[in-house]
C-alpha atoms as a PDB file:
ATOM      1  CA  MET A   1      67.371  66.972   2.735  1.00  0.00           C
ATOM      2  CA  LYS A   2      68.225  69.448   5.590  1.00  0.00           C
ATOM      3  CA  ASN A   3      64.487  70.003   5.923  1.00  0.00           C
ATOM      4  CA  ILE A   4      63.502  66.547   6.927  1.00  0.00           C
ATOM      5  CA  LEU A   5      61.575  66.700  10.072  1.00  0.00           C
ATOM      6  CA  ALA A   6      60.273  64.108  12.503  1.00  0.00           C
ATOM      7  CA  CYS A   7      57.011  63.677  14.357  1.00  0.00           C
ATOM      8  CA  LEU A   8      55.310  62.507  17.426  1.00  0.00           C
ATOM      9  CA  LEU A   9      52.815  60.462  19.495  1.00  0.00           C
ATOM     10  CA  LEU A  10      50.353  58.788  21.988  1.00  0.00           C
ATOM     11  CA  GLY A  11      48.454  55.643  21.235  1.00  0.00           C
ATOM     12  CA  ALA A  12      46.805  52.327  21.656  1.00  0.00           C
ATOM     13  CA  LEU A  13      47.631  48.817  20.372  1.00  0.00           C
ATOM     14  CA  SER A  14      45.625  46.453  18.365  1.00  0.00           C
ATOM     15  CA  GLN A  15      45.258  42.637  19.056  1.00  0.00           C
ATOM     16  CA  GLY A  16      48.084  41.972  16.616  1.00  0.00           C
ATOM     17  CA  ALA A  17      50.697  43.746  18.531  1.00  0.00           C
ATOM     18  CA  TRP A  18      52.200  43.338  21.980  1.00  0.00           C
ATOM     19  CA  ALA A  19      50.987  45.669  24.765  1.00  0.00           C
ATOM     20  CA  MET A  20      53.665  47.645  26.389  1.00  0.00           C
ATOM     21  CA  ASP A  21      54.481  47.128  30.051  1.00  0.00           C
ATOM     22  CA  THR A  22      55.809  49.754  32.404  1.00  0.00           C
ATOM     23  CA  ALA A  23      59.306  49.138  31.544  1.00  0.00           C
ATOM     24  CA  ASP A  24      58.531  49.564  27.789  1.00  0.00           C
ATOM     25  CA  GLN A  25      56.669  52.645  28.319  1.00  0.00           C
ATOM     26  CA  GLN A  26      59.458  54.224  30.363  1.00  0.00           C
ATOM     27  CA  ARG A  27      61.904  53.165  27.591  1.00  0.00           C
ATOM     28  CA  LEU A  28      59.586  54.997  25.023  1.00  0.00           C
ATOM     29  CA  ASP A  29      59.287  58.037  27.192  1.00  0.00           C
ATOM     30  CA  GLY A  30      63.086  58.230  27.373  1.00  0.00           C
ATOM     31  CA  ILE A  31      63.430  58.191  23.657  1.00  0.00           C
ATOM     32  CA  GLN A  32      60.719  60.846  23.181  1.00  0.00           C
ATOM     33  CA  GLN A  33      62.273  63.140  25.710  1.00  0.00           C
ATOM     34  CA  SER A  34      65.766  62.560  24.270  1.00  0.00           C
ATOM     35  CA  TRP A  35      64.546  63.279  20.816  1.00  0.00           C
ATOM     36  CA  ALA A  36      62.853  66.563  21.920  1.00  0.00           C
ATOM     37  CA  HIS A  37      66.006  67.719  23.748  1.00  0.00           C
ATOM     38  CA  ILE A  38      68.252  67.037  20.675  1.00  0.00           C
ATOM     39  CA  GLN A  39      65.632  68.504  18.200  1.00  0.00           C
ATOM     40  CA  TYR A  40      64.819  71.653  19.991  1.00  0.00           C
ATOM     41  CA  GLU A  41      67.449  72.387  22.625  1.00  0.00           C
ATOM     42  CA  MET A  42      70.799  71.175  21.334  1.00  0.00           C
ATOM     43  CA  PRO A  43      73.014  73.172  18.996  1.00  0.00           C
ATOM     44  CA  GLU A  44      72.546  72.337  15.448  1.00  0.00           C
ATOM     45  CA  LYS A  45      76.165  71.086  14.895  1.00  0.00           C
ATOM     46  CA  GLN A  46      75.812  68.562  17.674  1.00  0.00           C
ATOM     47  CA  ARG A  47      72.525  67.115  16.528  1.00  0.00           C
ATOM     48  CA  ALA A  48      73.731  64.533  13.983  1.00  0.00           C
ATOM     49  CA  ALA A  49      76.003  62.740  16.458  1.00  0.00           C
ATOM     50  CA  ALA A  50      73.388  62.787  19.145  1.00  0.00           C
ATOM     51  CA  PHE A  51      70.727  61.331  16.800  1.00  0.00           C
ATOM     52  CA  GLU A  52      73.222  58.659  15.810  1.00  0.00           C
ATOM     53  CA  GLN A  53      73.416  57.521  19.520  1.00  0.00           C
ATOM     54  CA  LEU A  54      69.667  57.713  19.899  1.00  0.00           C
ATOM     55  CA  VAL A  55      69.015  55.642  16.895  1.00  0.00           C
ATOM     56  CA  ALA A  56      71.310  52.928  18.270  1.00  0.00           C
ATOM     57  CA  GLN A  57      69.088  53.051  21.575  1.00  0.00           C
ATOM     58  CA  ALA A  58      65.792  52.865  19.381  1.00  0.00           C
ATOM     59  CA  THR A  59      67.315  49.918  17.357  1.00  0.00           C
ATOM     60  CA  ARG A  60      67.887  47.926  20.585  1.00  0.00           C
ATOM     61  CA  PHE A  61      64.205  48.487  21.510  1.00  0.00           C
ATOM     62  CA  THR A  62      62.954  47.194  18.241  1.00  0.00           C
ATOM     63  CA  ALA A  63      65.336  44.243  18.382  1.00  0.00           C
ATOM     64  CA  GLU A  64      64.139  43.324  21.850  1.00  0.00           C
ATOM     65  CA  ARG A  65      60.380  44.211  21.331  1.00  0.00           C
ATOM     66  CA  PRO A  66      59.897  43.600  17.656  1.00  0.00           C
ATOM     67  CA  ALA A  67      56.049  43.542  17.863  1.00  0.00           C
ATOM     68  CA  VAL A  68      55.626  46.826  19.614  1.00  0.00           C
ATOM     69  CA  ALA A  69      54.441  49.244  16.980  1.00  0.00           C
ATOM     70  CA  GLU A  70      55.445  52.242  19.109  1.00  0.00           C
ATOM     71  CA  ALA A  71      59.057  51.247  19.074  1.00  0.00           C
ATOM     72  CA  TRP A  72      59.208  51.160  15.521  1.00  0.00           C
ATOM     73  CA  ILE A  73      57.502  54.523  15.121  1.00  0.00           C
ATOM     74  CA  TRP A  74      60.195  56.207  17.260  1.00  0.00           C
ATOM     75  CA  LYS A  75      62.997  54.402  15.390  1.00  0.00           C
ATOM     76  CA  GLY A  76      61.615  55.883  12.257  1.00  0.00           C
ATOM     77  CA  ILE A  77      61.342  59.295  13.933  1.00  0.00           C
ATOM     78  CA  VAL A  78      64.820  59.353  15.191  1.00  0.00           C
ATOM     79  CA  THR A  79      66.132  58.040  12.083  1.00  0.00           C
ATOM     80  CA  SER A  80      64.569  60.580   9.829  1.00  0.00           C
ATOM     81  CA  SER A  81      65.750  63.352  12.279  1.00  0.00           C
ATOM     82  CA  TRP A  82      69.255  62.015  12.079  1.00  0.00           C
ATOM     83  CA  ALA A  83      68.886  62.124   8.176  1.00  0.00           C
ATOM     84  CA  GLY A  84      67.771  65.782   8.484  1.00  0.00           C
ATOM     85  CA  ALA A  85      70.624  66.705  10.743  1.00  0.00           C
ATOM     86  CA  GLU A  86      73.348  65.054   8.768  1.00  0.00           C
ATOM     87  CA  GLY A  87      72.326  65.981   5.266  1.00  0.00           C
ATOM     88  CA  GLY A  88      74.517  65.016   2.294  1.00  0.00           C
ATOM     89  CA  LEU A  89      74.649  61.861   0.418  1.00  0.00           C
ATOM     90  CA  GLY A  90      73.986  59.657   3.305  1.00  0.00           C
ATOM     91  CA  ALA A  91      70.628  61.320   4.233  1.00  0.00           C
ATOM     92  CA  LEU A  92      68.646  59.607   1.582  1.00  0.00           C
ATOM     93  CA  GLY A  93      69.569  56.177   2.790  1.00  0.00           C
ATOM     94  CA  LYS A  94      68.656  56.958   6.349  1.00  0.00           C
ATOM     95  CA  ALA A  95      65.239  58.380   5.039  1.00  0.00           C
ATOM     96  CA  LYS A  96      64.664  55.126   3.406  1.00  0.00           C
ATOM     97  CA  ASP A  97      65.533  53.326   6.462  1.00  0.00           C
ATOM     98  CA  ALA A  98      63.127  55.562   8.328  1.00  0.00           C
ATOM     99  CA  ARG A  99      60.362  54.719   5.788  1.00  0.00           C
ATOM    100  CA  ALA A 100      60.864  50.979   6.352  1.00  0.00           C
ATOM    101  CA  ASP A 101      60.562  51.570  10.074  1.00  0.00           C
ATOM    102  CA  LEU A 102      57.313  53.436   9.797  1.00  0.00           C
ATOM    103  CA  GLU A 103      55.968  50.940   7.305  1.00  0.00           C
ATOM    104  CA  LYS A 104      56.734  48.180   9.782  1.00  0.00           C
ATOM    105  CA  SER A 105      54.884  50.040  12.588  1.00  0.00           C
ATOM    106  CA  LEU A 106      51.700  50.429  10.326  1.00  0.00           C
ATOM    107  CA  SER A 107      51.863  46.652   9.540  1.00  0.00           C
ATOM    108  CA  LEU A 108      51.669  45.980  13.219  1.00  0.00           C
ATOM    109  CA  ASP A 109      49.185  48.575  14.410  1.00  0.00           C
ATOM    110  CA  PRO A 110      48.190  51.584  12.165  1.00  0.00           C
ATOM    111  CA  LYS A 111      46.405  53.259  15.205  1.00  0.00           C
ATOM    112  CA  ALA A 112      49.457  53.205  17.483  1.00  0.00           C
ATOM    113  CA  LEU A 113      50.460  56.678  18.940  1.00  0.00           C
ATOM    114  CA  GLN A 114      47.156  58.152  17.269  1.00  0.00           C
ATOM    115  CA  GLY A 115      48.355  57.244  13.900  1.00  0.00           C
ATOM    116  CA  SER A 116      51.831  59.019  14.305  1.00  0.00           C
ATOM    117  CA  ALA A 117      53.393  56.618  11.682  1.00  0.00           C
ATOM    118  CA  TYR A 118      51.171  58.156   9.062  1.00  0.00           C
ATOM    119  CA  THR A 119      52.193  61.745  10.015  1.00  0.00           C
ATOM    120  CA  SER A 120      55.771  60.883  10.129  1.00  0.00           C
ATOM    121  CA  LEU A 121      55.700  58.917   6.808  1.00  0.00           C
ATOM    122  CA  ALA A 122      53.852  61.735   5.122  1.00  0.00           C
ATOM    123  CA  ALA A 123      56.628  64.198   6.435  1.00  0.00           C
ATOM    124  CA  LEU A 124      59.272  62.136   4.659  1.00  0.00           C
ATOM    125  CA  TYR A 125      57.308  61.933   1.203  1.00  0.00           C
ATOM    126  CA  ASP A 126      56.770  65.666   1.507  1.00  0.00           C
ATOM    127  CA  ARG A 127      60.442  66.456   2.152  1.00  0.00           C
ATOM    128  CA  VAL A 128      62.532  63.718   0.356  1.00  0.00           C
ATOM    129  CA  PRO A 129      63.451  64.674  -3.296  1.00  0.00           C
ATOM    130  CA  GLY A 130      61.251  62.939  -5.934  1.00  0.00           C
ATOM    131  CA  TRP A 131      62.233  60.442  -8.680  1.00  0.00           C
ATOM    132  CA  PRO A 132      64.776  59.779  -9.915  1.00  0.00           C
ATOM    133  CA  ILE A 133      66.750  61.080  -6.879  1.00  0.00           C
ATOM    134  CA  GLY A 134      64.483  59.811  -4.016  1.00  0.00           C
ATOM    135  CA  PHE A 135      60.984  58.600  -3.170  1.00  0.00           C
ATOM    136  CA  GLY A 136      59.402  61.982  -2.467  1.00  0.00           C
ATOM    137  CA  ASP A 137      55.692  62.189  -3.595  1.00  0.00           C
ATOM    138  CA  SER A 138      53.338  65.059  -2.570  1.00  0.00           C
ATOM    139  CA  ASP A 139      50.280  63.046  -3.488  1.00  0.00           C
ATOM    140  CA  LYS A 140      51.387  60.172  -1.262  1.00  0.00           C
ATOM    141  CA  ALA A 141      51.987  62.525   1.460  1.00  0.00           C
ATOM    142  CA  GLU A 142      48.549  63.997   1.228  1.00  0.00           C
ATOM    143  CA  GLN A 143      47.051  60.518   1.320  1.00  0.00           C
ATOM    144  CA  LEU A 144      48.901  59.660   4.359  1.00  0.00           C
ATOM    145  CA  LEU A 145      48.141  63.035   6.149  1.00  0.00           C
ATOM    146  CA  LYS A 146      44.500  62.491   5.628  1.00  0.00           C
ATOM    147  CA  GLN A 147      44.642  59.221   7.256  1.00  0.00           C
ATOM    148  CA  SER A 148      46.501  60.731  10.086  1.00  0.00           C
ATOM    149  CA  LEU A 149      43.959  63.399  10.619  1.00  0.00           C
ATOM    150  CA  GLN A 150      41.130  60.672  10.752  1.00  0.00           C
ATOM    151  CA  LEU A 151      42.829  59.209  13.612  1.00  0.00           C
ATOM    152  CA  ASN A 152      44.063  62.389  15.222  1.00  0.00           C
ATOM    153  CA  PRO A 153      42.090  65.421  13.980  1.00  0.00           C
ATOM    154  CA  ASP A 154      43.070  67.801  16.833  1.00  0.00           C
ATOM    155  CA  GLY A 155      46.807  66.714  17.243  1.00  0.00           C
ATOM    156  CA  ILE A 156      49.475  69.491  17.170  1.00  0.00           C
ATOM    157  CA  ASP A 157      51.641  67.318  15.049  1.00  0.00           C
ATOM    158  CA  SER A 158      49.047  65.987  12.574  1.00  0.00           C
ATOM    159  CA  LEU A 159      47.767  69.567  11.987  1.00  0.00           C
ATOM    160  CA  TYR A 160      51.188  71.056  11.761  1.00  0.00           C
ATOM    161  CA  PHE A 161      52.252  68.802   9.004  1.00  0.00           C
ATOM    162  CA  TRP A 162      48.914  69.154   7.231  1.00  0.00           C
ATOM    163  CA  GLY A 163      49.482  72.811   7.316  1.00  0.00           C
ATOM    164  CA  ASP A 164      53.039  72.489   6.084  1.00  0.00           C
ATOM    165  CA  HIS A 165      51.701  70.294   3.242  1.00  0.00           C
ATOM    166  CA  LEU A 166      49.105  72.828   2.287  1.00  0.00           C
ATOM    167  CA  TYR A 167      51.697  75.541   2.187  1.00  0.00           C
ATOM    168  CA  ARG A 168      54.019  73.602   0.005  1.00  0.00           C
ATOM    169  CA  GLN A 169      50.931  73.159  -2.405  1.00  0.00           C
ATOM    170  CA  LYS A 170      50.300  76.805  -2.298  1.00  0.00           C
ATOM    171  CA  HIS A 171      46.964  76.463  -0.590  1.00  0.00           C
ATOM    172  CA  TYR A 172      47.887  79.353   1.742  1.00  0.00           C
ATOM    173  CA  ALA A 173      44.473  80.200   3.369  1.00  0.00           C
ATOM    174  CA  GLU A 174      43.828  76.518   4.212  1.00  0.00           C
ATOM    175  CA  ALA A 175      47.423  76.170   5.609  1.00  0.00           C
ATOM    176  CA  ARG A 176      46.915  79.156   7.802  1.00  0.00           C
ATOM    177  CA  ALA A 177      43.563  77.622   9.232  1.00  0.00           C
ATOM    178  CA  ALA A 178      45.229  74.271   9.871  1.00  0.00           C
ATOM    179  CA  LEU A 179      48.211  75.944  11.668  1.00  0.00           C
ATOM    180  CA  GLN A 180      45.958  78.082  13.825  1.00  0.00           C
ATOM    181  CA  LYS A 181      44.022  74.903  14.774  1.00  0.00           C
ATOM    182  CA  ALA A 182      47.358  73.298  15.543  1.00  0.00           C
ATOM    183  CA  LEU A 183      48.151  76.010  18.071  1.00  0.00           C
ATOM    184  CA  GLN A 184      44.960  75.428  19.835  1.00  0.00           C
ATOM    185  CA  ALA A 185      45.917  71.592  20.495  1.00  0.00           C
ATOM    186  CA  ALA A 186      45.796  70.519  24.016  1.00  0.00           C
ATOM    187  CA  PRO A 187      49.073  70.239  25.856  1.00  0.00           C
ATOM    188  CA  ARG A 188      50.552  66.546  25.998  1.00  0.00           C
ATOM    189  CA  PRO A 189      51.611  65.614  29.475  1.00  0.00           C
ATOM    190  CA  GLY A 190      55.298  64.815  29.668  1.00  0.00           C
ATOM    191  CA  ARG A 191      55.855  66.277  26.087  1.00  0.00           C
ATOM    192  CA  GLU A 192      56.372  69.940  27.260  1.00  0.00           C
ATOM    193  CA  SER A 193      59.712  70.438  25.372  1.00  0.00           C
ATOM    194  CA  ALA A 194      58.290  68.809  22.215  1.00  0.00           C
ATOM    195  CA  ASP A 195      55.185  70.881  22.248  1.00  0.00           C
ATOM    196  CA  ALA A 196      57.109  74.085  22.933  1.00  0.00           C
ATOM    197  CA  GLY A 197      59.402  73.239  19.914  1.00  0.00           C
ATOM    198  CA  ARG A 198      56.600  72.421  17.662  1.00  0.00           C
ATOM    199  CA  ARG A 199      54.847  75.704  18.541  1.00  0.00           C
ATOM    200  CA  LYS A 200      57.804  77.590  17.527  1.00  0.00           C
ATOM    201  CA  GLU A 201      57.909  75.856  14.232  1.00  0.00           C
ATOM    202  CA  ILE A 202      54.241  76.553  13.692  1.00  0.00           C
ATOM    203  CA  ALA A 203      54.721  80.189  14.383  1.00  0.00           C
ATOM    204  CA  ALA A 204      57.665  80.417  12.063  1.00  0.00           C
ATOM    205  CA  LEU A 205      55.625  78.747   9.206  1.00  0.00           C
ATOM    206  CA  MET A 206      52.663  81.096   9.868  1.00  0.00           C
ATOM    207  CA  VAL A 207      54.957  84.135   9.238  1.00  0.00           C
ATOM    208  CA  ASP A 208      55.728  82.631   5.743  1.00  0.00           C
ATOM    209  CA  VAL A 209      52.151  81.769   5.205  1.00  0.00           C
ATOM    210  CA  ASP A 210      51.067  85.341   5.980  1.00  0.00           C
ATOM    211  CA  LYS A 211      53.734  86.784   3.543  1.00  0.00           C
ATOM    212  CA  LYS A 212      52.021  84.730   0.726  1.00  0.00           C
ATOM    213  CA  LEU A 213      48.655  86.035   1.751  1.00  0.00           C
ATOM    214  CA  ASP A 214      49.713  89.676   1.834  1.00  0.00           C
END
Protein backbone atom coordinates (compact mmCIF):
# COMPACT_ATOMS: atom_id res chain seq x y z
CA MET A 1 0.00 0.00 0.00
CA LYS A 2 3.02 2.31 0.38
CA ASN A 3 3.14 2.62 -3.39
CA ILE A 4 -0.32 4.18 -3.75
CA LEU A 5 0.25 7.36 -5.71
CA ALA A 6 -2.05 10.20 -6.54
CA CYS A 7 -2.78 12.09 -9.72
CA LEU A 8 -3.63 15.50 -11.16
CA LEU A 9 -5.67 18.02 -13.19
CA LEU A 10 -7.19 20.83 -15.40
CA GLY A 11 -10.71 20.67 -16.75
CA ALA A 12 -14.17 21.65 -17.92
CA LEU A 13 -17.61 21.08 -16.38
CA SER A 14 -20.65 19.54 -18.00
CA GLN A 15 -24.17 20.91 -17.73
CA GLY A 16 -24.88 18.53 -14.85
CA ALA A 17 -22.30 20.09 -12.54
CA TRP A 18 -21.90 23.49 -10.93
CA ALA A 19 -19.40 25.82 -12.56
CA MET A 20 -16.69 26.98 -10.19
CA ASP A 21 -16.45 30.67 -9.34
CA THR A 22 -13.23 32.52 -8.58
CA ALA A 23 -13.35 31.59 -4.90
CA ASP A 24 -13.80 27.90 -5.75
CA GLN A 25 -10.87 28.00 -8.17
CA GLN A 26 -8.64 29.63 -5.58
CA ARG A 27 -9.67 27.01 -3.07
CA LEU A 28 -8.89 24.23 -5.55
CA ASP A 29 -5.54 25.81 -6.42
CA GLY A 30 -4.65 25.89 -2.73
CA ILE A 31 -5.38 22.19 -2.31
CA GLN A 32 -3.41 21.34 -5.45
CA GLN A 33 -0.38 23.34 -4.32
CA SER A 34 -0.50 21.94 -0.79
CA TRP A 35 -0.69 18.41 -2.19
CA ALA A 36 2.40 18.95 -4.36
CA HIS A 37 4.33 20.43 -1.44
CA ILE A 38 3.50 17.50 0.83
CA GLN A 39 4.04 14.83 -1.83
CA TYR A 40 7.29 16.10 -3.28
CA GLU A 41 8.92 18.52 -0.84
CA MET A 42 8.06 17.31 2.67
CA PRO A 43 10.05 14.62 4.54
CA GLU A 44 8.39 11.23 4.19
CA LYS A 45 7.75 10.83 7.92
CA GLN A 46 5.72 14.04 8.01
CA ARG A 47 3.49 13.33 5.03
CA ALA A 48 0.76 11.22 6.66
CA ALA A 49 -0.14 13.87 9.24
CA ALA A 50 -0.01 16.63 6.61
CA PHE A 51 -2.24 14.70 4.24
CA GLU A 52 -4.71 14.04 7.07
CA GLN A 53 -5.08 17.80 7.57
CA LEU A 54 -5.43 18.36 3.82
CA VAL A 55 -8.13 15.68 3.60
CA ALA A 56 -10.12 17.62 6.21
CA GLN A 57 -9.80 20.73 4.04
CA ALA A 58 -10.88 18.85 0.90
CA THR A 59 -13.80 17.29 2.80
CA ARG A 60 -15.10 20.73 3.74
CA PHE A 61 -14.87 21.74 0.08
CA THR A 62 -17.01 18.79 -1.07
CA ALA A 63 -19.49 19.36 1.76
CA GLU A 64 -19.98 22.97 0.75
CA ARG A 65 -19.84 22.43 -3.04
CA PRO A 66 -21.16 18.87 -3.49
CA ALA A 67 -21.87 19.21 -7.22
CA VAL A 68 -18.38 20.39 -8.17
CA ALA A 69 -16.63 17.38 -9.72
CA GLU A 70 -13.17 18.92 -9.28
CA ALA A 71 -13.63 19.07 -5.52
CA TRP A 72 -14.36 15.33 -5.39
CA ILE A 73 -11.38 14.56 -7.63
CA TRP A 74 -9.03 16.33 -5.27
CA LYS A 75 -10.58 14.79 -2.18
CA GLY A 76 -9.93 11.40 -3.80
CA ILE A 77 -6.37 12.33 -4.74
CA VAL A 78 -5.48 13.59 -1.28
CA THR A 79 -7.14 10.62 0.43
CA SER A 80 -5.29 8.14 -1.78
CA SER A 81 -2.03 9.96 -1.03
CA TRP A 82 -2.80 9.79 2.69
CA ALA A 83 -3.32 6.04 2.34
CA GLY A 84 0.02 5.66 0.61
CA ALA A 85 1.86 7.77 3.17
CA GLU A 86 0.33 6.02 6.18
CA GLY A 87 0.39 2.41 4.99
CA GLY A 88 -0.63 -0.37 7.35
CA LEU A 89 -4.08 -1.78 7.98
CA GLY A 90 -5.83 1.56 7.68
CA ALA A 91 -4.57 2.22 4.16
CA LEU A 92 -7.11 -0.02 2.44
CA GLY A 93 -10.04 1.75 4.06
CA LYS A 94 -8.69 5.10 2.91
CA ALA A 95 -8.16 3.69 -0.59
CA LYS A 96 -11.81 2.64 -0.66
CA ASP A 97 -12.83 6.13 0.44
CA ALA A 98 -10.71 7.61 -2.34
CA ARG A 99 -12.32 5.27 -4.87
CA ALA A 100 -15.78 6.44 -3.76
CA ASP A 101 -14.74 10.09 -4.10
CA LEU A 102 -13.40 9.57 -7.61
CA GLU A 103 -16.48 7.60 -8.67
CA LYS A 104 -18.62 10.47 -7.34
CA SER A 105 -16.68 12.94 -9.49
CA LEU A 106 -17.21 10.75 -12.56
CA SER A 107 -20.95 10.68 -11.92
CA LEU A 108 -20.93 14.49 -11.94
CA ASP A 109 -18.60 15.14 -14.87
CA PRO A 110 -16.23 12.52 -16.33
CA LYS A 111 -14.41 15.22 -18.31
CA ALA A 112 -13.52 17.37 -15.31
CA LEU A 113 -9.83 18.17 -15.04
CA GLN A 114 -9.26 16.50 -18.40
CA GLY A 115 -10.38 13.12 -17.08
CA SER A 116 -8.16 13.14 -14.00
CA ALA A 117 -10.64 10.98 -12.09
CA TYR A 118 -10.03 8.15 -14.56
CA THR A 119 -6.27 8.48 -14.09
CA SER A 120 -6.42 8.59 -10.32
CA LEU A 121 -8.90 5.72 -10.12
CA ALA A 122 -6.71 3.63 -12.42
CA ALA A 123 -3.73 4.26 -10.14
CA LEU A 124 -5.70 2.84 -7.22
CA TYR A 125 -6.76 -0.26 -9.14
CA ASP A 126 -3.14 -0.81 -10.20
CA ARG A 127 -1.67 -0.44 -6.71
CA VAL A 128 -4.21 -1.76 -4.22
CA PRO A 129 -3.91 -5.51 -3.53
CA GLY A 130 -6.37 -7.71 -5.39
CA TRP A 131 -9.09 -9.99 -4.06
CA PRO A 132 -9.55 -11.23 -1.35
CA ILE A 133 -7.57 -8.46 0.39
CA GLY A 134 -8.53 -5.46 -1.67
CA PHE A 135 -10.11 -4.29 -4.90
CA GLY A 136 -7.01 -4.13 -7.09
CA ASP A 137 -7.62 -5.11 -10.73
CA SER A 138 -5.08 -4.52 -13.50
CA ASP A 139 -7.68 -5.03 -16.24
CA LYS A 140 -9.90 -2.36 -14.70
CA ALA A 141 -6.89 -0.08 -14.37
CA GLU A 142 -6.12 -0.47 -18.08
CA GLN A 143 -9.71 0.28 -19.06
CA LEU A 144 -9.70 3.46 -16.98
CA LEU A 145 -6.32 4.58 -18.29
CA LYS A 146 -7.49 4.23 -21.87
CA GLN A 147 -10.47 6.44 -21.04
CA SER A 148 -8.10 8.93 -19.46
CA LEU A 149 -5.88 9.00 -22.53
CA GLN A 150 -8.85 9.65 -24.78
CA LEU A 151 -9.51 12.85 -22.84
CA ASN A 152 -5.90 13.85 -22.24
CA PRO A 153 -3.56 12.04 -24.67
CA ASP A 154 -0.60 14.35 -24.05
CA GLY A 155 -0.87 14.92 -20.29
CA ILE A 156 2.11 14.24 -18.06
CA ASP A 157 0.00 12.31 -15.54
CA SER A 158 -2.09 10.24 -17.91
CA LEU A 159 1.06 9.22 -19.79
CA TYR A 160 3.06 8.55 -16.63
CA PHE A 161 0.45 6.25 -15.16
CA TRP A 162 -0.03 4.55 -18.52
CA GLY A 163 3.73 3.95 -18.71
CA ASP A 164 3.72 2.65 -15.14
CA HIS A 165 0.85 0.29 -15.94
CA LEU A 166 2.66 -1.02 -19.02
CA TYR A 167 5.77 -1.57 -16.90
CA ARG A 168 3.76 -3.55 -14.36
CA GLN A 169 2.42 -5.65 -17.25
CA LYS A 170 6.00 -6.22 -18.49
CA HIS A 171 5.45 -4.33 -21.73
CA TYR A 172 8.76 -2.55 -21.33
CA ALA A 173 9.27 -1.06 -24.79
CA GLU A 174 5.76 0.37 -24.81
CA ALA A 175 6.26 1.66 -21.28
CA ARG A 176 9.41 3.50 -22.27
CA ALA A 177 7.67 5.13 -25.24
CA ALA A 178 4.85 6.36 -23.01
CA LEU A 179 7.27 7.73 -20.43
CA GLN A 180 9.33 9.51 -23.06
CA LYS A 181 6.16 11.15 -24.33
CA ALA A 182 5.25 12.11 -20.77
CA LEU A 183 8.52 14.00 -20.42
CA GLN A 184 7.55 16.06 -23.47
CA ALA A 185 4.25 17.18 -21.92
CA ALA A 186 3.66 20.91 -21.85
CA PRO A 187 4.25 22.66 -18.50
CA ARG A 188 1.14 23.40 -16.45
CA PRO A 189 0.93 27.01 -15.22
CA GLY A 190 0.74 27.07 -11.43
CA ARG A 191 1.69 23.39 -11.24
CA GLU A 192 5.47 23.81 -11.31
CA SER A 193 6.13 21.80 -8.14
CA ALA A 194 3.84 18.98 -9.26
CA ASP A 195 5.44 18.89 -12.71
CA ALA A 196 8.94 18.79 -11.25
CA GLY A 197 8.02 16.00 -8.85
CA ARG A 198 6.31 13.98 -11.55
CA ARG A 199 9.30 14.32 -13.88
CA LYS A 200 11.53 12.88 -11.16
CA GLU A 201 9.15 9.92 -10.83
CA ILE A 202 9.20 9.41 -14.58
CA ALA A 203 13.00 9.50 -14.67
CA ALA A 204 13.21 6.95 -11.84
CA LEU A 205 10.77 4.62 -13.56
CA MET A 206 12.64 4.92 -16.84
CA VAL A 207 15.77 3.66 -15.08
CA ASP A 208 13.85 0.53 -14.04
CA VAL A 209 12.41 0.14 -17.55
CA ASP A 210 15.84 0.41 -19.14
CA LYS A 211 17.17 -2.28 -16.82
CA LYS A 212 14.47 -4.63 -18.07
CA LEU A 213 15.27 -3.78 -21.69
CA ASP A 214 19.03 -4.39 -21.31
